């Protein structure tokens, strides 16, 4: 068993090594020089682009929640709340044409909801909330009886095929709407926040955001949230030999392992070229 684990670990190391070695060597000419008749003043700096996609789930309590246990036999929550979770992340170098923002897919409801859920009114005479809840519960039971009658052909003789399917679908929609008056409604939506991270040669980690399950992404100074961090681990790279008498400078990037983390969990990890951890190579003539 230990031998198998060792083989798997060796394979994983080999895969990471292949991924790193497969990265194209990135270099940029730096300093002051002429290009196409124009004077160019160039330096090599890296800015990371981090996208974090968060899913927000909103629960709106039903207006008849307090009567759910009595009339329908199951308790309902009385409290409106929002819950957040990170569902995707991406990181790349600013200016990389191959980079696209994370476009995570979230399970969202087809219909927009109105908050708070409105009390169902079947009459112009206003009664007590409990009476209204009782009427709504009776509508739920009536819809269920109608569904059963349709399926068993007791109701609507001659309703079949597409007509039957449409009728059942409408009954399901109405029952769901009435049940939401008791048990509330959940909706989800996604949003993506982008953070730019200028790389500093003296730093390997950067706290870019904090995350709260109750409030989503919050500022770095909000100590109640869990940290969202970028960690950079430079890899060993082979650079060309520098010419001591060279007058043309090129900055070679280091292929570094860049991770975006939520607390101790890695959201995404990529090998990216980072100039700040690379090396300047001098040439006698432009390369």
C-alpha atoms as a PDB file:
ATOM      1  CA  UNK A   1       0.000   0.000   0.000  1.00  0.00           C
ATOM      2  CA  UNK A   2       2.817   2.379   0.895  1.00  0.00           C
ATOM      3  CA  UNK A   3       4.531   1.512  -2.386  1.00  0.00           C
ATOM      4  CA  UNK A   4       1.374   2.353  -4.350  1.00  0.00           C
ATOM      5  CA  UNK A   5       1.043   5.676  -2.485  1.00  0.00           C
ATOM      6  CA  UNK A   6       4.658   6.467  -3.322  1.00  0.00           C
ATOM      7  CA  UNK A   7       4.070   5.747  -7.020  1.00  0.00           C
ATOM      8  CA  UNK A   8       0.960   7.964  -7.077  1.00  0.00           C
ATOM      9  CA  UNK A   9       2.839  10.784  -5.345  1.00  0.00           C
ATOM     10  CA  UNK A  10       5.706  10.459  -7.838  1.00  0.00           C
ATOM     11  CA  UNK A  11       3.261  10.644 -10.745  1.00  0.00           C
ATOM     12  CA  UNK A  12       1.667  13.789  -9.313  1.00  0.00           C
ATOM     13  CA  UNK A  13       5.076  15.427  -8.946  1.00  0.00           C
ATOM     14  CA  UNK A  14       5.901  14.459 -12.513  1.00  0.00           C
ATOM     15  CA  UNK A  15       2.645  15.969 -13.781  1.00  0.00           C
ATOM     16  CA  UNK A  16       3.334  19.243 -11.968  1.00  0.00           C
ATOM     17  CA  UNK A  17       6.853  19.277 -13.378  1.00  0.00           C
ATOM     18  CA  UNK A  18       5.573  18.710 -16.905  1.00  0.00           C
ATOM     19  CA  UNK A  19       3.029  21.510 -16.462  1.00  0.00           C
ATOM     20  CA  UNK A  20       5.709  23.908 -15.291  1.00  0.00           C
ATOM     21  CA  UNK A  21       8.207  22.953 -17.985  1.00  0.00           C
ATOM     22  CA  UNK A  22       5.543  23.230 -20.659  1.00  0.00           C
ATOM     23  CA  UNK A  23       5.122  26.921 -19.896  1.00  0.00           C
ATOM     24  CA  UNK A  24       6.491  29.162 -22.595  1.00  0.00           C
ATOM     25  CA  UNK A  25       9.499  31.227 -21.562  1.00  0.00           C
ATOM     26  CA  UNK A  26       8.277  34.818 -21.234  1.00  0.00           C
ATOM     27  CA  UNK A  27      10.723  37.676 -21.611  1.00  0.00           C
ATOM     28  CA  UNK A  28      10.555  41.402 -22.210  1.00  0.00           C
ATOM     29  CA  UNK A  29      13.141  43.927 -23.289  1.00  0.00           C
ATOM     30  CA  UNK A  30      13.653  46.591 -20.625  1.00  0.00           C
ATOM     31  CA  UNK A  31      15.467  49.895 -20.392  1.00  0.00           C
ATOM     32  CA  UNK A  32      15.589  52.785 -22.878  1.00  0.00           C
ATOM     33  CA  UNK A  33      15.834  51.907 -26.564  1.00  0.00           C
ATOM     34  CA  UNK A  34      14.525  52.871 -29.982  1.00  0.00           C
ATOM     35  CA  UNK A  35      11.871  50.889 -31.782  1.00  0.00           C
ATOM     36  CA  UNK A  36      10.436  51.865 -35.162  1.00  0.00           C
ATOM     37  CA  UNK A  37      12.027  55.287 -34.768  1.00  0.00           C
ATOM     38  CA  UNK A  38      10.446  55.903 -31.362  1.00  0.00           C
ATOM     39  CA  UNK A  39      12.146  56.027 -27.980  1.00  0.00           C
ATOM     40  CA  UNK A  40      10.820  53.351 -25.657  1.00  0.00           C
ATOM     41  CA  UNK A  41      11.208  53.333 -21.877  1.00  0.00           C
ATOM     42  CA  UNK A  42      10.232  49.855 -20.722  1.00  0.00           C
ATOM     43  CA  UNK A  43      10.207  47.950 -17.468  1.00  0.00           C
ATOM     44  CA  UNK A  44       8.895  44.497 -16.641  1.00  0.00           C
ATOM     45  CA  UNK A  45       6.220  44.303 -13.971  1.00  0.00           C
ATOM     46  CA  UNK A  46       3.500  41.769 -13.263  1.00  0.00           C
ATOM     47  CA  UNK A  47      -0.062  42.386 -12.135  1.00  0.00           C
ATOM     48  CA  UNK A  48      -2.277  39.421 -11.338  1.00  0.00           C
ATOM     49  CA  UNK A  49      -5.990  39.379 -12.106  1.00  0.00           C
ATOM     50  CA  UNK A  50      -8.076  37.383  -9.644  1.00  0.00           C
ATOM     51  CA  UNK A  51     -11.757  36.618 -10.236  1.00  0.00           C
ATOM     52  CA  UNK A  52     -13.866  35.204  -7.403  1.00  0.00           C
ATOM     53  CA  UNK A  53     -17.390  33.999  -8.124  1.00  0.00           C
ATOM     54  CA  UNK A  54     -19.847  33.860  -5.236  1.00  0.00           C
ATOM     55  CA  UNK A  55     -23.288  32.293  -5.111  1.00  0.00           C
ATOM     56  CA  UNK A  56     -25.888  34.061  -2.987  1.00  0.00           C
ATOM     57  CA  UNK A  57     -28.917  32.120  -1.766  1.00  0.00           C
ATOM     58  CA  UNK A  58     -31.794  34.226  -0.465  1.00  0.00           C
ATOM     59  CA  UNK A  59     -34.570  32.763   1.651  1.00  0.00           C
ATOM     60  CA  UNK A  60     -37.795  34.734   2.073  1.00  0.00           C
ATOM     61  CA  UNK A  61     -40.056  33.374   4.809  1.00  0.00           C
ATOM     62  CA  UNK A  62     -43.692  32.646   3.996  1.00  0.00           C
ATOM     63  CA  UNK A  63     -46.399  34.972   5.290  1.00  0.00           C
ATOM     64  CA  UNK A  64     -48.247  31.958   6.737  1.00  0.00           C
ATOM     65  CA  UNK A  65     -45.141  30.306   8.210  1.00  0.00           C
ATOM     66  CA  UNK A  66     -46.549  30.249  11.753  1.00  0.00           C
ATOM     67  CA  UNK A  67     -49.506  28.176  10.573  1.00  0.00           C
ATOM     68  CA  UNK A  68     -47.565  25.599   8.531  1.00  0.00           C
ATOM     69  CA  UNK A  69     -47.267  23.073  11.364  1.00  0.00           C
ATOM     70  CA  UNK A  70     -50.957  23.284  12.257  1.00  0.00           C
ATOM     71  CA  UNK A  71     -52.399  23.191   8.746  1.00  0.00           C
ATOM     72  CA  UNK A  72     -49.832  21.237   6.716  1.00  0.00           C
ATOM     73  CA  UNK A  73     -48.098  19.153   9.362  1.00  0.00           C
ATOM     74  CA  UNK A  74     -44.572  20.489   8.952  1.00  0.00           C
ATOM     75  CA  UNK A  75     -42.804  23.404  10.608  1.00  0.00           C
ATOM     76  CA  UNK A  76     -41.555  26.332   8.548  1.00  0.00           C
ATOM     77  CA  UNK A  77     -38.777  28.843   9.108  1.00  0.00           C
ATOM     78  CA  UNK A  78     -39.870  32.344  10.135  1.00  0.00           C
ATOM     79  CA  UNK A  79     -36.578  34.126   9.411  1.00  0.00           C
ATOM     80  CA  UNK A  80     -35.434  35.753   6.167  1.00  0.00           C
ATOM     81  CA  UNK A  81     -31.746  35.119   5.507  1.00  0.00           C
ATOM     82  CA  UNK A  82     -28.956  35.262   2.938  1.00  0.00           C
ATOM     83  CA  UNK A  83     -26.265  32.610   2.594  1.00  0.00           C
ATOM     84  CA  UNK A  84     -23.123  32.936   0.494  1.00  0.00           C
ATOM     85  CA  UNK A  85     -20.539  30.486  -0.799  1.00  0.00           C
ATOM     86  CA  UNK A  86     -17.574  30.727  -3.153  1.00  0.00           C
ATOM     87  CA  UNK A  87     -18.250  28.546  -6.200  1.00  0.00           C
ATOM     88  CA  UNK A  88     -15.314  29.347  -8.518  1.00  0.00           C
ATOM     89  CA  UNK A  89     -12.134  31.360  -8.905  1.00  0.00           C
ATOM     90  CA  UNK A  90      -9.556  32.142 -11.560  1.00  0.00           C
ATOM     91  CA  UNK A  91      -6.190  33.877 -11.691  1.00  0.00           C
ATOM     92  CA  UNK A  92      -4.072  35.105 -14.573  1.00  0.00           C
ATOM     93  CA  UNK A  93      -1.569  37.774 -15.574  1.00  0.00           C
ATOM     94  CA  UNK A  94      -3.051  41.116 -16.583  1.00  0.00           C
ATOM     95  CA  UNK A  95      -2.768  41.519 -20.346  1.00  0.00           C
ATOM     96  CA  UNK A  96      -2.856  37.792 -21.066  1.00  0.00           C
ATOM     97  CA  UNK A  97      -5.127  37.481 -24.104  1.00  0.00           C
ATOM     98  CA  UNK A  98      -5.875  33.864 -23.216  1.00  0.00           C
ATOM     99  CA  UNK A  99      -7.479  34.880 -19.939  1.00  0.00           C
ATOM    100  CA  UNK A 100     -11.236  35.003 -19.471  1.00  0.00           C
ATOM    101  CA  UNK A 101     -13.223  35.910 -16.391  1.00  0.00           C
ATOM    102  CA  UNK A 102     -14.692  33.036 -14.453  1.00  0.00           C
ATOM    103  CA  UNK A 103     -18.248  32.371 -15.589  1.00  0.00           C
ATOM    104  CA  UNK A 104     -19.611  29.968 -13.003  1.00  0.00           C
ATOM    105  CA  UNK A 105     -23.015  28.394 -13.488  1.00  0.00           C
ATOM    106  CA  UNK A 106     -25.383  28.694 -10.540  1.00  0.00           C
ATOM    107  CA  UNK A 107     -28.763  27.097 -10.037  1.00  0.00           C
ATOM    108  CA  UNK A 108     -31.088  30.084 -10.366  1.00  0.00           C
ATOM    109  CA  UNK A 109     -34.853  30.241 -10.368  1.00  0.00           C
ATOM    110  CA  UNK A 110     -36.601  30.954 -13.651  1.00  0.00           C
ATOM    111  CA  UNK A 111     -39.034  33.439 -12.134  1.00  0.00           C
ATOM    112  CA  UNK A 112     -38.161  36.553 -10.187  1.00  0.00           C
ATOM    113  CA  UNK A 113     -39.748  36.819  -6.755  1.00  0.00           C
ATOM    114  CA  UNK A 114     -41.267  39.715  -4.882  1.00  0.00           C
ATOM    115  CA  UNK A 115     -40.215  40.128  -1.276  1.00  0.00           C
ATOM    116  CA  UNK A 116     -42.040  39.795   1.001  1.00  0.00           C
ATOM    117  CA  UNK A 117     -44.331  37.092  -0.347  1.00  0.00           C
ATOM    118  CA  UNK A 118     -47.837  38.489  -0.642  1.00  0.00           C
ATOM    119  CA  UNK A 119     -50.827  37.182   1.311  1.00  0.00           C
ATOM    120  CA  UNK A 120     -53.209  35.290  -0.930  1.00  0.00           C
ATOM    121  CA  UNK A 121     -56.594  36.993  -1.286  1.00  0.00           C
ATOM    122  CA  UNK A 122     -59.598  35.113  -2.663  1.00  0.00           C
ATOM    123  CA  UNK A 123     -62.217  37.573  -1.463  1.00  0.00           C
ATOM    124  CA  UNK A 124     -62.702  41.322  -1.078  1.00  0.00           C
ATOM    125  CA  UNK A 125     -63.656  40.679   2.541  1.00  0.00           C
ATOM    126  CA  UNK A 126     -60.552  40.849   4.694  1.00  0.00           C
ATOM    127  CA  UNK A 127     -60.369  38.142   7.319  1.00  0.00           C
ATOM    128  CA  UNK A 128     -57.839  37.189   9.949  1.00  0.00           C
ATOM    129  CA  UNK A 129     -54.381  35.909   8.885  1.00  0.00           C
ATOM    130  CA  UNK A 130     -55.261  32.489  10.303  1.00  0.00           C
ATOM    131  CA  UNK A 131     -58.445  32.323   8.240  1.00  0.00           C
ATOM    132  CA  UNK A 132     -56.485  33.324   5.140  1.00  0.00           C
ATOM    133  CA  UNK A 133     -53.901  30.637   5.904  1.00  0.00           C
ATOM    134  CA  UNK A 134     -56.667  28.077   6.308  1.00  0.00           C
ATOM    135  CA  UNK A 135     -58.120  29.040   2.905  1.00  0.00           C
ATOM    136  CA  UNK A 136     -54.679  28.766   1.294  1.00  0.00           C
ATOM    137  CA  UNK A 137     -54.170  25.312   2.806  1.00  0.00           C
ATOM    138  CA  UNK A 138     -57.562  24.229   1.459  1.00  0.00           C
ATOM    139  CA  UNK A 139     -56.488  25.431  -1.997  1.00  0.00           C
ATOM    140  CA  UNK A 140     -53.378  23.232  -1.750  1.00  0.00           C
ATOM    141  CA  UNK A 141     -55.463  20.172  -0.904  1.00  0.00           C
ATOM    142  CA  UNK A 142     -57.956  21.006  -3.673  1.00  0.00           C
ATOM    143  CA  UNK A 143     -55.141  21.228  -6.215  1.00  0.00           C
ATOM    144  CA  UNK A 144     -53.766  17.892  -5.094  1.00  0.00           C
ATOM    145  CA  UNK A 145     -57.194  16.295  -5.445  1.00  0.00           C
ATOM    146  CA  UNK A 146     -57.552  17.824  -8.916  1.00  0.00           C
ATOM    147  CA  UNK A 147     -54.151  16.423  -9.926  1.00  0.00           C
ATOM    148  CA  UNK A 148     -55.113  12.951  -8.746  1.00  0.00           C
ATOM    149  CA  UNK A 149     -58.461  13.156 -10.534  1.00  0.00           C
ATOM    150  CA  UNK A 150     -56.781  14.172 -13.778  1.00  0.00           C
ATOM    151  CA  UNK A 151     -54.253  11.353 -13.588  1.00  0.00           C
ATOM    152  CA  UNK A 152     -56.953   8.767 -12.808  1.00  0.00           C
ATOM    153  CA  UNK A 153     -59.277  10.227 -15.480  1.00  0.00           C
ATOM    154  CA  UNK A 154     -61.923  11.097 -12.870  1.00  0.00           C
ATOM    155  CA  UNK A 155     -61.806  14.762 -13.856  1.00  0.00           C
ATOM    156  CA  UNK A 156     -61.825  16.344 -17.276  1.00  0.00           C
ATOM    157  CA  UNK A 157     -62.791  13.406 -19.433  1.00  0.00           C
ATOM    158  CA  UNK A 158     -61.128  13.769 -22.788  1.00  0.00           C
ATOM    159  CA  UNK A 159     -58.145  15.721 -21.395  1.00  0.00           C
ATOM    160  CA  UNK A 160     -55.099  13.851 -22.625  1.00  0.00           C
ATOM    161  CA  UNK A 161     -51.780  14.297 -24.390  1.00  0.00           C
ATOM    162  CA  UNK A 162     -50.489  17.861 -24.466  1.00  0.00           C
ATOM    163  CA  UNK A 163     -53.624  19.202 -22.771  1.00  0.00           C
ATOM    164  CA  UNK A 164     -53.162  16.912 -19.798  1.00  0.00           C
ATOM    165  CA  UNK A 165     -49.497  17.787 -19.534  1.00  0.00           C
ATOM    166  CA  UNK A 166     -50.296  21.522 -19.570  1.00  0.00           C
ATOM    167  CA  UNK A 167     -52.994  21.110 -16.947  1.00  0.00           C
ATOM    168  CA  UNK A 168     -50.704  19.147 -14.625  1.00  0.00           C
ATOM    169  CA  UNK A 169     -47.932  21.681 -15.097  1.00  0.00           C
ATOM    170  CA  UNK A 170     -50.276  24.547 -14.178  1.00  0.00           C
ATOM    171  CA  UNK A 171     -51.496  22.681 -11.092  1.00  0.00           C
ATOM    172  CA  UNK A 172     -47.863  22.148 -10.012  1.00  0.00           C
ATOM    173  CA  UNK A 173     -47.151  25.874 -10.467  1.00  0.00           C
ATOM    174  CA  UNK A 174     -50.178  26.920  -8.429  1.00  0.00           C
ATOM    175  CA  UNK A 175     -49.435  24.435  -5.648  1.00  0.00           C
ATOM    176  CA  UNK A 176     -45.829  25.639  -5.463  1.00  0.00           C
ATOM    177  CA  UNK A 177     -47.023  29.251  -5.205  1.00  0.00           C
ATOM    178  CA  UNK A 178     -49.376  28.369  -2.330  1.00  0.00           C
ATOM    179  CA  UNK A 179     -46.713  26.305  -0.550  1.00  0.00           C
ATOM    180  CA  UNK A 180     -44.328  29.261  -0.734  1.00  0.00           C
ATOM    181  CA  UNK A 181     -46.843  31.260   1.318  1.00  0.00           C
ATOM    182  CA  UNK A 182     -46.187  28.769   4.131  1.00  0.00           C
ATOM    183  CA  UNK A 183     -42.616  27.553   3.609  1.00  0.00           C
ATOM    184  CA  UNK A 184     -41.077  30.545   1.881  1.00  0.00           C
ATOM    185  CA  UNK A 185     -38.985  30.715  -1.255  1.00  0.00           C
ATOM    186  CA  UNK A 186     -35.303  30.281  -2.071  1.00  0.00           C
ATOM    187  CA  UNK A 187     -33.599  32.033  -4.964  1.00  0.00           C
ATOM    188  CA  UNK A 188     -29.958  31.992  -6.032  1.00  0.00           C
ATOM    189  CA  UNK A 189     -27.796  34.354  -8.008  1.00  0.00           C
ATOM    190  CA  UNK A 190     -24.096  34.601  -8.842  1.00  0.00           C
ATOM    191  CA  UNK A 191     -21.744  37.530  -8.981  1.00  0.00           C
ATOM    192  CA  UNK A 192     -18.037  37.805  -9.760  1.00  0.00           C
ATOM    193  CA  UNK A 193     -15.614  40.278  -8.214  1.00  0.00           C
ATOM    194  CA  UNK A 194     -12.271  41.075  -9.839  1.00  0.00           C
ATOM    195  CA  UNK A 195      -9.202  42.095  -7.874  1.00  0.00           C
ATOM    196  CA  UNK A 196      -5.934  43.361  -9.358  1.00  0.00           C
ATOM    197  CA  UNK A 197      -2.815  42.333  -7.451  1.00  0.00           C
ATOM    198  CA  UNK A 198       0.467  44.120  -8.331  1.00  0.00           C
ATOM    199  CA  UNK A 199       3.305  41.709  -7.529  1.00  0.00           C
ATOM    200  CA  UNK A 200       5.989  42.853  -5.090  1.00  0.00           C
ATOM    201  CA  UNK A 201       9.332  41.074  -5.262  1.00  0.00           C
ATOM    202  CA  UNK A 202       9.539  41.066  -1.456  1.00  0.00           C
ATOM    203  CA  UNK A 203       6.161  39.404  -0.938  1.00  0.00           C
ATOM    204  CA  UNK A 204       4.953  35.888  -1.626  1.00  0.00           C
ATOM    205  CA  UNK A 205       1.456  36.148  -0.111  1.00  0.00           C
ATOM    206  CA  UNK A 206      -1.272  38.776  -0.510  1.00  0.00           C
ATOM    207  CA  UNK A 207      -4.549  39.055   1.403  1.00  0.00           C
ATOM    208  CA  UNK A 208      -6.904  40.417  -1.250  1.00  0.00           C
ATOM    209  CA  UNK A 209     -10.386  39.993   0.303  1.00  0.00           C
ATOM    210  CA  UNK A 210     -12.237  38.386   3.156  1.00  0.00           C
ATOM    211  CA  UNK A 211     -15.298  36.168   2.914  1.00  0.00           C
ATOM    212  CA  UNK A 212     -18.322  35.845   5.152  1.00  0.00           C
ATOM    213  CA  UNK A 213     -20.985  33.154   4.762  1.00  0.00           C
ATOM    214  CA  UNK A 214     -23.567  35.728   5.883  1.00  0.00           C
ATOM    215  CA  UNK A 215     -22.361  38.741   3.827  1.00  0.00           C
ATOM    216  CA  UNK A 216     -20.258  37.385   0.953  1.00  0.00           C
ATOM    217  CA  UNK A 217     -17.017  39.071  -0.066  1.00  0.00           C
ATOM    218  CA  UNK A 218     -16.031  41.852   2.323  1.00  0.00           C
ATOM    219  CA  UNK A 219     -13.044  44.154   2.700  1.00  0.00           C
ATOM    220  CA  UNK A 220      -9.606  43.054   3.848  1.00  0.00           C
ATOM    221  CA  UNK A 221     -10.047  44.983   7.081  1.00  0.00           C
ATOM    222  CA  UNK A 222     -13.148  43.038   8.116  1.00  0.00           C
ATOM    223  CA  UNK A 223     -11.605  40.647  10.628  1.00  0.00           C
ATOM    224  CA  UNK A 224     -14.826  38.646  11.015  1.00  0.00           C
ATOM    225  CA  UNK A 225     -14.390  37.205   7.503  1.00  0.00           C
ATOM    226  CA  UNK A 226     -12.152  34.344   6.386  1.00  0.00           C
ATOM    227  CA  UNK A 227      -9.150  35.491   4.373  1.00  0.00           C
ATOM    228  CA  UNK A 228      -8.962  35.177   0.599  1.00  0.00           C
ATOM    229  CA  UNK A 229      -5.268  35.014  -0.226  1.00  0.00           C
ATOM    230  CA  UNK A 230      -2.957  34.793  -3.212  1.00  0.00           C
ATOM    231  CA  UNK A 231       0.182  32.715  -2.621  1.00  0.00           C
ATOM    232  CA  UNK A 232       3.089  32.656  -5.085  1.00  0.00           C
ATOM    233  CA  UNK A 233       5.715  29.908  -5.129  1.00  0.00           C
ATOM    234  CA  UNK A 234       8.502  30.564  -7.685  1.00  0.00           C
ATOM    235  CA  UNK A 235       9.805  27.480  -9.450  1.00  0.00           C
ATOM    236  CA  UNK A 236      13.322  26.617 -10.568  1.00  0.00           C
ATOM    237  CA  UNK A 237      13.914  28.048 -14.036  1.00  0.00           C
ATOM    238  CA  UNK A 238      16.837  27.856 -16.468  1.00  0.00           C
ATOM    239  CA  UNK A 239      17.832  31.246 -17.857  1.00  0.00           C
ATOM    240  CA  UNK A 240      20.224  32.039 -20.734  1.00  0.00           C
ATOM    241  CA  UNK A 241      23.791  32.993 -19.929  1.00  0.00           C
ATOM    242  CA  UNK A 242      24.208  36.735 -19.420  1.00  0.00           C
ATOM    243  CA  UNK A 243      26.890  38.585 -21.384  1.00  0.00           C
ATOM    244  CA  UNK A 244      28.996  40.725 -19.056  1.00  0.00           C
ATOM    245  CA  UNK A 245      29.635  43.181 -21.880  1.00  0.00           C
ATOM    246  CA  UNK A 246      26.041  43.185 -23.052  1.00  0.00           C
ATOM    247  CA  UNK A 247      24.199  46.445 -23.538  1.00  0.00           C
ATOM    248  CA  UNK A 248      20.724  45.103 -24.269  1.00  0.00           C
ATOM    249  CA  UNK A 249      18.684  43.949 -21.255  1.00  0.00           C
ATOM    250  CA  UNK A 250      15.870  41.409 -21.258  1.00  0.00           C
ATOM    251  CA  UNK A 251      13.868  40.480 -18.203  1.00  0.00           C
ATOM    252  CA  UNK A 252      12.933  36.797 -18.079  1.00  0.00           C
ATOM    253  CA  UNK A 253       9.874  35.827 -16.057  1.00  0.00           C
ATOM    254  CA  UNK A 254       9.861  33.050 -13.508  1.00  0.00           C
ATOM    255  CA  UNK A 255       7.239  30.339 -13.997  1.00  0.00           C
ATOM    256  CA  UNK A 256       5.669  30.508 -10.541  1.00  0.00           C
ATOM    257  CA  UNK A 257       2.891  28.474  -8.997  1.00  0.00           C
ATOM    258  CA  UNK A 258       0.113  30.919  -8.123  1.00  0.00           C
ATOM    259  CA  UNK A 259      -2.685  29.782  -5.805  1.00  0.00           C
ATOM    260  CA  UNK A 260      -5.871  31.538  -4.736  1.00  0.00           C
ATOM    261  CA  UNK A 261      -6.958  30.280  -1.319  1.00  0.00           C
ATOM    262  CA  UNK A 262      -9.960  30.654   0.943  1.00  0.00           C
ATOM    263  CA  UNK A 263      -8.540  30.001   4.378  1.00  0.00           C
ATOM    264  CA  UNK A 264      -6.688  26.686   3.958  1.00  0.00           C
ATOM    265  CA  UNK A 265      -8.682  25.599   0.892  1.00  0.00           C
ATOM    266  CA  UNK A 266      -7.163  26.078  -2.578  1.00  0.00           C
ATOM    267  CA  UNK A 267      -9.724  27.553  -4.980  1.00  0.00           C
ATOM    268  CA  UNK A 268      -7.483  27.542  -8.048  1.00  0.00           C
ATOM    269  CA  UNK A 269      -3.801  26.938  -8.803  1.00  0.00           C
ATOM    270  CA  UNK A 270      -1.989  27.897 -11.998  1.00  0.00           C
ATOM    271  CA  UNK A 271       1.559  28.213 -13.320  1.00  0.00           C
ATOM    272  CA  UNK A 272       2.057  31.831 -14.413  1.00  0.00           C
ATOM    273  CA  UNK A 273       5.034  33.923 -15.563  1.00  0.00           C
ATOM    274  CA  UNK A 274       6.105  36.412 -12.886  1.00  0.00           C
ATOM    275  CA  UNK A 275       8.771  38.963 -13.833  1.00  0.00           C
ATOM    276  CA  UNK A 276       9.501  40.013 -10.265  1.00  0.00           C
ATOM    277  CA  UNK A 277      10.943  36.575  -9.396  1.00  0.00           C
ATOM    278  CA  UNK A 278      12.798  36.185 -12.684  1.00  0.00           C
ATOM    279  CA  UNK A 279      16.212  37.302 -13.915  1.00  0.00           C
ATOM    280  CA  UNK A 280      17.638  40.078 -16.088  1.00  0.00           C
ATOM    281  CA  UNK A 281      19.874  38.811 -18.880  1.00  0.00           C
ATOM    282  CA  UNK A 282      22.236  41.076 -20.828  1.00  0.00           C
ATOM    283  CA  UNK A 283      22.968  40.592 -24.522  1.00  0.00           C
ATOM    284  CA  UNK A 284      25.529  42.148 -26.801  1.00  0.00           C
ATOM    285  CA  UNK A 285      22.899  42.395 -29.568  1.00  0.00           C
ATOM    286  CA  UNK A 286      19.089  42.318 -29.478  1.00  0.00           C
ATOM    287  CA  UNK A 287      17.626  38.813 -29.360  1.00  0.00           C
END
